[in-house]
Amino acid sequence: MAGEENIESAKRGYAAFSSGDAEGAMAEISDEIEWITPGNSAVSGIRRGKEQVGELWGMLAEKGFSTSPQYWLSDDERVVVLTHITAQGEEADTVDVLTYRDGKLVKFQTATDTAMLERLYGTK
């Protein structure tokens, strides 16, 4: 049951993010969120807390970033989202792993095209 509830929470978050509703996208995110983006780009690294995640989202938005989830898989704690991302005419398939605790998203980790992120956002 928890897995299905977490998928529904993730779907609401992705829908809000995609419509530009940052407040709605943050609604079911823990204040202590840990957000991990791989690579050596300016958007890569570990961000902690909603404020840092919001800053990341602002950087992504500058390049017209969008995500289109294709498949949703879950167990009791994690939701795995196979999604397609686009930004400034580039696109890639991505896997996001969302970890939930007590109904809140506590960890978000993505596996994506790090070379694309470096081309779009520059390196650190």
C-alpha atoms as a PDB file:
ATOM      1  CA  MET A   1       0.000   0.000   0.000  1.00  0.00           C
ATOM      2  CA  ALA A   2       2.788   2.475   0.866  1.00  0.00           C
ATOM      3  CA  GLY A   3       4.325   1.945  -2.569  1.00  0.00           C
ATOM      4  CA  GLU A   4       1.107   2.949  -4.331  1.00  0.00           C
ATOM      5  CA  GLU A   5       0.719   6.007  -2.098  1.00  0.00           C
ATOM      6  CA  ASN A   6       4.312   7.042  -2.815  1.00  0.00           C
ATOM      7  CA  ILE A   7       3.748   6.688  -6.569  1.00  0.00           C
ATOM      8  CA  GLU A   8       0.696   8.944  -6.309  1.00  0.00           C
ATOM      9  CA  SER A   9       2.726  11.474  -4.302  1.00  0.00           C
ATOM     10  CA  ALA A  10       5.507  11.361  -6.911  1.00  0.00           C
ATOM     11  CA  LYS A  11       2.998  11.829  -9.739  1.00  0.00           C
ATOM     12  CA  ARG A  12       1.543  14.897  -8.015  1.00  0.00           C
ATOM     13  CA  GLY A  13       5.046  16.311  -7.523  1.00  0.00           C
ATOM     14  CA  TYR A  14       6.105  15.771 -11.131  1.00  0.00           C
ATOM     15  CA  ALA A  15       2.821  17.264 -12.406  1.00  0.00           C
ATOM     16  CA  ALA A  16       3.217  20.354 -10.228  1.00  0.00           C
ATOM     17  CA  PHE A  17       6.877  20.760 -11.238  1.00  0.00           C
ATOM     18  CA  SER A  18       5.962  20.398 -14.923  1.00  0.00           C
ATOM     19  CA  SER A  19       3.272  23.071 -14.638  1.00  0.00           C
ATOM     20  CA  GLY A  20       5.653  25.508 -12.929  1.00  0.00           C
ATOM     21  CA  ASP A  21       3.993  25.145  -9.517  1.00  0.00           C
ATOM     22  CA  ALA A  22       7.051  25.030  -7.251  1.00  0.00           C
ATOM     23  CA  GLU A  23       4.946  25.318  -4.098  1.00  0.00           C
ATOM     24  CA  GLY A  24       2.825  22.345  -5.148  1.00  0.00           C
ATOM     25  CA  ALA A  25       5.926  20.383  -6.136  1.00  0.00           C
ATOM     26  CA  MET A  26       7.424  21.044  -2.685  1.00  0.00           C
ATOM     27  CA  ALA A  27       4.237  20.121  -0.790  1.00  0.00           C
ATOM     28  CA  GLU A  28       5.192  16.510  -0.111  1.00  0.00           C
ATOM     29  CA  ILE A  29       8.943  17.056   0.199  1.00  0.00           C
ATOM     30  CA  SER A  30      10.600  16.834   3.615  1.00  0.00           C
ATOM     31  CA  ASP A  31      12.266  19.974   4.955  1.00  0.00           C
ATOM     32  CA  GLU A  32      15.404  17.813   5.259  1.00  0.00           C
ATOM     33  CA  ILE A  33      15.369  16.654   1.616  1.00  0.00           C
ATOM     34  CA  GLU A  34      18.638  15.406   0.155  1.00  0.00           C
ATOM     35  CA  TRP A  35      18.773  15.972  -3.643  1.00  0.00           C
ATOM     36  CA  ILE A  36      21.611  14.328  -5.596  1.00  0.00           C
ATOM     37  CA  THR A  37      22.541  15.173  -9.187  1.00  0.00           C
ATOM     38  CA  PRO A  38      25.568  13.334 -10.643  1.00  0.00           C
ATOM     39  CA  GLY A  39      28.459  14.741 -12.625  1.00  0.00           C
ATOM     40  CA  ASN A  40      30.624  17.816 -12.654  1.00  0.00           C
ATOM     41  CA  SER A  41      28.174  20.364 -14.037  1.00  0.00           C
ATOM     42  CA  ALA A  42      27.082  23.550 -12.310  1.00  0.00           C
ATOM     43  CA  VAL A  43      23.823  21.787 -11.341  1.00  0.00           C
ATOM     44  CA  SER A  44      25.571  18.649 -10.049  1.00  0.00           C
ATOM     45  CA  GLY A  45      26.097  17.827  -6.407  1.00  0.00           C
ATOM     46  CA  ILE A  46      24.156  17.266  -3.230  1.00  0.00           C
ATOM     47  CA  ARG A  47      21.628  19.821  -2.102  1.00  0.00           C
ATOM     48  CA  ARG A  48      19.988  19.727   1.295  1.00  0.00           C
ATOM     49  CA  GLY A  49      16.758  21.397   2.277  1.00  0.00           C
ATOM     50  CA  LYS A  50      13.953  22.934   0.270  1.00  0.00           C
ATOM     51  CA  GLU A  51      15.752  26.251  -0.211  1.00  0.00           C
ATOM     52  CA  GLN A  52      18.726  24.643  -1.964  1.00  0.00           C
ATOM     53  CA  VAL A  53      16.406  22.445  -4.054  1.00  0.00           C
ATOM     54  CA  GLY A  54      14.432  25.541  -5.056  1.00  0.00           C
ATOM     55  CA  GLU A  55      17.662  27.224  -6.156  1.00  0.00           C
ATOM     56  CA  LEU A  56      18.500  24.154  -8.259  1.00  0.00           C
ATOM     57  CA  TRP A  57      15.070  24.226  -9.863  1.00  0.00           C
ATOM     58  CA  GLY A  58      15.640  27.879 -10.761  1.00  0.00           C
ATOM     59  CA  MET A  59      18.920  26.988 -12.480  1.00  0.00           C
ATOM     60  CA  LEU A  60      17.203  24.169 -14.394  1.00  0.00           C
ATOM     61  CA  ALA A  61      14.385  26.490 -15.466  1.00  0.00           C
ATOM     62  CA  GLU A  62      16.857  28.952 -17.010  1.00  0.00           C
ATOM     63  CA  LYS A  63      17.479  26.387 -19.768  1.00  0.00           C
ATOM     64  CA  GLY A  64      13.830  25.400 -20.216  1.00  0.00           C
ATOM     65  CA  PHE A  65      14.272  22.070 -18.423  1.00  0.00           C
ATOM     66  CA  SER A  66      11.297  19.710 -18.565  1.00  0.00           C
ATOM     67  CA  THR A  67      10.702  16.124 -17.525  1.00  0.00           C
ATOM     68  CA  SER A  68       8.181  13.640 -18.923  1.00  0.00           C
ATOM     69  CA  PRO A  69       7.775  10.544 -16.746  1.00  0.00           C
ATOM     70  CA  GLN A  70       7.223   7.327 -18.707  1.00  0.00           C
ATOM     71  CA  TYR A  71       7.191   4.517 -16.117  1.00  0.00           C
ATOM     72  CA  TRP A  72       6.671   4.297 -12.352  1.00  0.00           C
ATOM     73  CA  LEU A  73       7.940   1.421 -10.169  1.00  0.00           C
ATOM     74  CA  SER A  74       7.943   1.158  -6.389  1.00  0.00           C
ATOM     75  CA  ASP A  75       8.530  -0.804  -3.231  1.00  0.00           C
ATOM     76  CA  ASP A  76       7.508   0.382   0.239  1.00  0.00           C
ATOM     77  CA  GLU A  77      10.160   3.122   0.460  1.00  0.00           C
ATOM     78  CA  ARG A  78      11.279   3.994  -3.042  1.00  0.00           C
ATOM     79  CA  VAL A  79       9.712   5.116  -6.303  1.00  0.00           C
ATOM     80  CA  VAL A  80      11.763   4.659  -9.463  1.00  0.00           C
ATOM     81  CA  VAL A  81      10.765   6.945 -12.315  1.00  0.00           C
ATOM     82  CA  LEU A  82      11.938   6.358 -15.862  1.00  0.00           C
ATOM     83  CA  THR A  83      11.606   9.769 -17.448  1.00  0.00           C
ATOM     84  CA  HIS A  84      12.610  11.735 -20.513  1.00  0.00           C
ATOM     85  CA  ILE A  85      14.173  15.162 -19.973  1.00  0.00           C
ATOM     86  CA  THR A  86      14.648  18.060 -22.364  1.00  0.00           C
ATOM     87  CA  ALA A  87      16.464  21.385 -22.089  1.00  0.00           C
ATOM     88  CA  GLN A  88      17.498  23.823 -24.815  1.00  0.00           C
ATOM     89  CA  GLY A  89      16.813  21.338 -27.598  1.00  0.00           C
ATOM     90  CA  GLU A  90      18.790  18.502 -25.991  1.00  0.00           C
ATOM     91  CA  GLU A  91      17.154  15.425 -24.550  1.00  0.00           C
ATOM     92  CA  ALA A  92      18.005  12.321 -22.588  1.00  0.00           C
ATOM     93  CA  ASP A  93      16.452   9.385 -20.800  1.00  0.00           C
ATOM     94  CA  THR A  94      16.862   9.553 -17.039  1.00  0.00           C
ATOM     95  CA  VAL A  95      16.164   7.414 -14.000  1.00  0.00           C
ATOM     96  CA  ASP A  96      15.094   9.128 -10.790  1.00  0.00           C
ATOM     97  CA  VAL A  97      14.996   7.286  -7.456  1.00  0.00           C
ATOM     98  CA  LEU A  98      12.774   8.898  -4.839  1.00  0.00           C
ATOM     99  CA  THR A  99      12.924   7.695  -1.234  1.00  0.00           C
ATOM    100  CA  TYR A 100       9.936   8.308   1.042  1.00  0.00           C
ATOM    101  CA  ARG A 101       9.625   8.235   4.802  1.00  0.00           C
ATOM    102  CA  ASP A 102       6.336   8.878   6.599  1.00  0.00           C
ATOM    103  CA  GLY A 103       4.710  10.103   3.390  1.00  0.00           C
ATOM    104  CA  LYS A 104       7.394  12.695   2.598  1.00  0.00           C
ATOM    105  CA  LEU A 105      10.119  12.662  -0.031  1.00  0.00           C
ATOM    106  CA  VAL A 106      13.409  12.543   1.904  1.00  0.00           C
ATOM    107  CA  LYS A 107      15.877  11.727  -0.878  1.00  0.00           C
ATOM    108  CA  PHE A 108      15.923  12.297  -4.637  1.00  0.00           C
ATOM    109  CA  GLN A 109      18.724  10.838  -6.720  1.00  0.00           C
ATOM    110  CA  THR A 110      18.940  10.989 -10.487  1.00  0.00           C
ATOM    111  CA  ALA A 111      20.990   9.058 -13.035  1.00  0.00           C
ATOM    112  CA  THR A 112      21.213  11.133 -16.180  1.00  0.00           C
ATOM    113  CA  ASP A 113      23.396  12.235 -19.079  1.00  0.00           C
ATOM    114  CA  THR A 114      26.088  14.135 -17.172  1.00  0.00           C
ATOM    115  CA  ALA A 115      27.802  15.276 -20.379  1.00  0.00           C
ATOM    116  CA  MET A 116      24.545  16.930 -21.461  1.00  0.00           C
ATOM    117  CA  LEU A 117      24.297  18.730 -18.109  1.00  0.00           C
ATOM    118  CA  GLU A 118      27.866  20.002 -18.522  1.00  0.00           C
ATOM    119  CA  ARG A 119      27.136  21.256 -22.069  1.00  0.00           C
ATOM    120  CA  LEU A 120      24.001  23.072 -20.927  1.00  0.00           C
ATOM    121  CA  TYR A 121      24.979  24.381 -17.503  1.00  0.00           C
ATOM    122  CA  GLY A 122      28.781  24.459 -17.637  1.00  0.00           C
ATOM    123  CA  THR A 123      31.196  22.748 -15.275  1.00  0.00           C
ATOM    124  CA  LYS A 124      32.025  23.539 -11.672  1.00  0.00           C
END
